[in-house]
């Protein structure tokens, strides 16, 4: 059988284009061609000479991945898995362009066959007998066209008089409160109807699912509209709400629509299960509806495939007037990609993909039932294709340390924050799961697993569900312990008042938020605010440098100069954590205060040193006499009769701001009054080898048993580490006041010591000028 050479070339060109666009590995290996900034994002004039296909495709490839190259990191967006079946769907778009150039008669025959086959296959797959199909790019466009069809059918003079006939009886469109957001407003906008024509029906509040339309209340609303001289036109029902995946009582709704001569339209992800042999009676009732919208591209993982609206109506003229059918053959080619894809997959392949997605939901649901603190919300546990779950404090294990009563109980906002964090973590850890975070009116924030919408696109398999449950099992204990310890963290923070302030931020997914308050008095508000921001910024940096698993952050979505503490495990010592935060903040505040007072201290010290130097010179003059001060004569006299004078050196103490004698230093050859920082007791000495900060040794004894064989060199910390620990951990007993003053001067920050080194050396050199060092060592004279 001969094949059209043009068709063969179209397929080859598409294969080459897919290869160039998908081959990122080759370009990443050729790193020399990669530039930090690409000019391809800057629009420019059309080049005079044309370019070949390969160059144009490379340009498209660069535009697609340019953002990833500029950020120097891989994209976090979910990329659709375009396999061979996706290749067939993309080929359909190329073939549609080629077929459109055929002569009119051949084009008409071909498009009629494509449209008839696709409509027949879809109606049999989804049990919609005697239906007609309308293919559309926007999945809302089918409902818009259906509404126009119903308006034309219910208002006989609409074709001639237009919207004027609507003033006699205003049409009313009913939708569920759990329906797709913005759908009703879009309908009114496209149809030119006022928003008063839209009636939102509340869901059940007492009986049935909280996401199902209240049928009794709908009946009451319809009667009220009829009494108000309005015309009930159309009802939009859900076979799988966008949020929770629940299905309305379609059978009762259809009976109600027949009673009031209304049109019933059904949409939702659960319509995909109509292709299965064991579809529930609730979903099967959708086949009685007047129209329903399907999205087979999402369910089967087919890129750029149109949505389909199946409907039943006897008058083809009204369908043509509403735009559901077209006399243009080219418009019918929109069904070509789906026509090719359905043939490639076959009936068994289509059913297998939908059954696989439903099986993934059941697998996850059964696993979630075994997890503590996880609450599921599904409509039918035996057949629900959508699984909703959330972390719930009410489901927490009673054996967990602490209590979730009191402060934690009733904190819906806090639980929403925890569940949002849970969903974000799971999406990041298992991207192939297709999870997303939804917010429902009654349940709050939940994590949704809807494989009918994502499994075919992301290639979700059973091992991904197993990985998801494993990651969830690791995160739940951390969330439970954090909730239990939040109250203790709050109380410990209040115990350190007023230096620490607890920030009420229930929407933070973590242990809590705290702010260090400087204790300076007599400072204006602007100066105090600057100091507060500076201290808390430095405190955050020091906390982030600690050897701990706890994450400290600024909470970018929140305002204020606060330190936000992330999730913690149950072996965290909250008291030690808060004590460390307070000690670090106090150390930073005292260091900053010392730096601010440094200028005044040095100035006063220099003035005092000058007075003592002047006094020392006068005493020297009285002791040696005037003759020894004459340059030439004094040198000869000192050679014949040297002067034996004692050293009267001085040292400048920056912390105390005073001049001290150096007699003890030169007599003992060592500086005294400086206790070693290694002797300062800290909690670090009580930690086991390998144990992180803030963890209880008893709780972590098992985890540290393997590290007990660490060598002596690793167990003993160096002087630098000891100094760091001394400044981080508060002493286990109150220090002596005298030693505390010396220690404060010794642990001044490095930048303070460097700033004061020059002044300290100059003062000491001036005091000891023109005096001899013991044992024949000379002192270099200052250039006074």
Foldseek 3Di string as FASTA:
>chain_A
DDDDVVLVVLLVVLVVLCCLLVPPVVVVVVVVVQDLDDPLVPDDDDDPDDDDPSVVSNSVSCVVCVVCSNVVHDDLDFFFDCDPLQSLLVSLVSVLVVLVPDDPVVLQVVLVVLLVVVQVVVCVLLVQPPKHKFWDADLLVVVLLVLLLLVCVVQVCCVPPNCVSCVQAPEAEEEEPLADPPSLVVSCVVRVHDSVSYHYAAADDPDADNRAGDLVVVLVVVVVSVVVRHQHEEYEFECQGPFATHGYQLQSVVVSCVVRVYAYEYEYLNSLCSSPPPRDPSSVSNSVGQKYKADLCQQQVHPPQTIMMIGDDDDVVSSVVSVRDDPDSSSSSSSRSVSSSCVVCDSVSSNVSNVQLQVLVLLLLVLQVPDFQKDWDHRDSVGRSKIKIFGHLVRHDPPAPADLPDPNPPLLLLRLLQRQVVQVVLCVQQVLQPKDWDADDPNGIIIMGRCSRRCNGSVDHNVSSVVSSVVVNVVNQLQNLLSRCLVVLQVLQVVPPPQKDFDPDSSHAASGKIFGQDPDPPDDPVVRQVVRLVLLVVLQVLVCPAQDPWDWDQPVVDDDSIITIHTDHNQFQSNQVSQLSSLLSVLSNVLVVLLVCQVVLLVVLVVVLVVVLVVVVVVVCVVPDDQLVPVPRVVVVCVVPPDDDDFFFWFAQRLVSYIDTCPVCQVVVDDDLADQLLPQDFCVLVDAVPDGPRGDCVVCVVVCPVVNPPDPVSSDDDSVVSLSRSSRGDGPDDDDPSSVSNVSSVNRDPVSCVVCVVSRVVSRLSSRAPHQRPPGHRRDHDPD
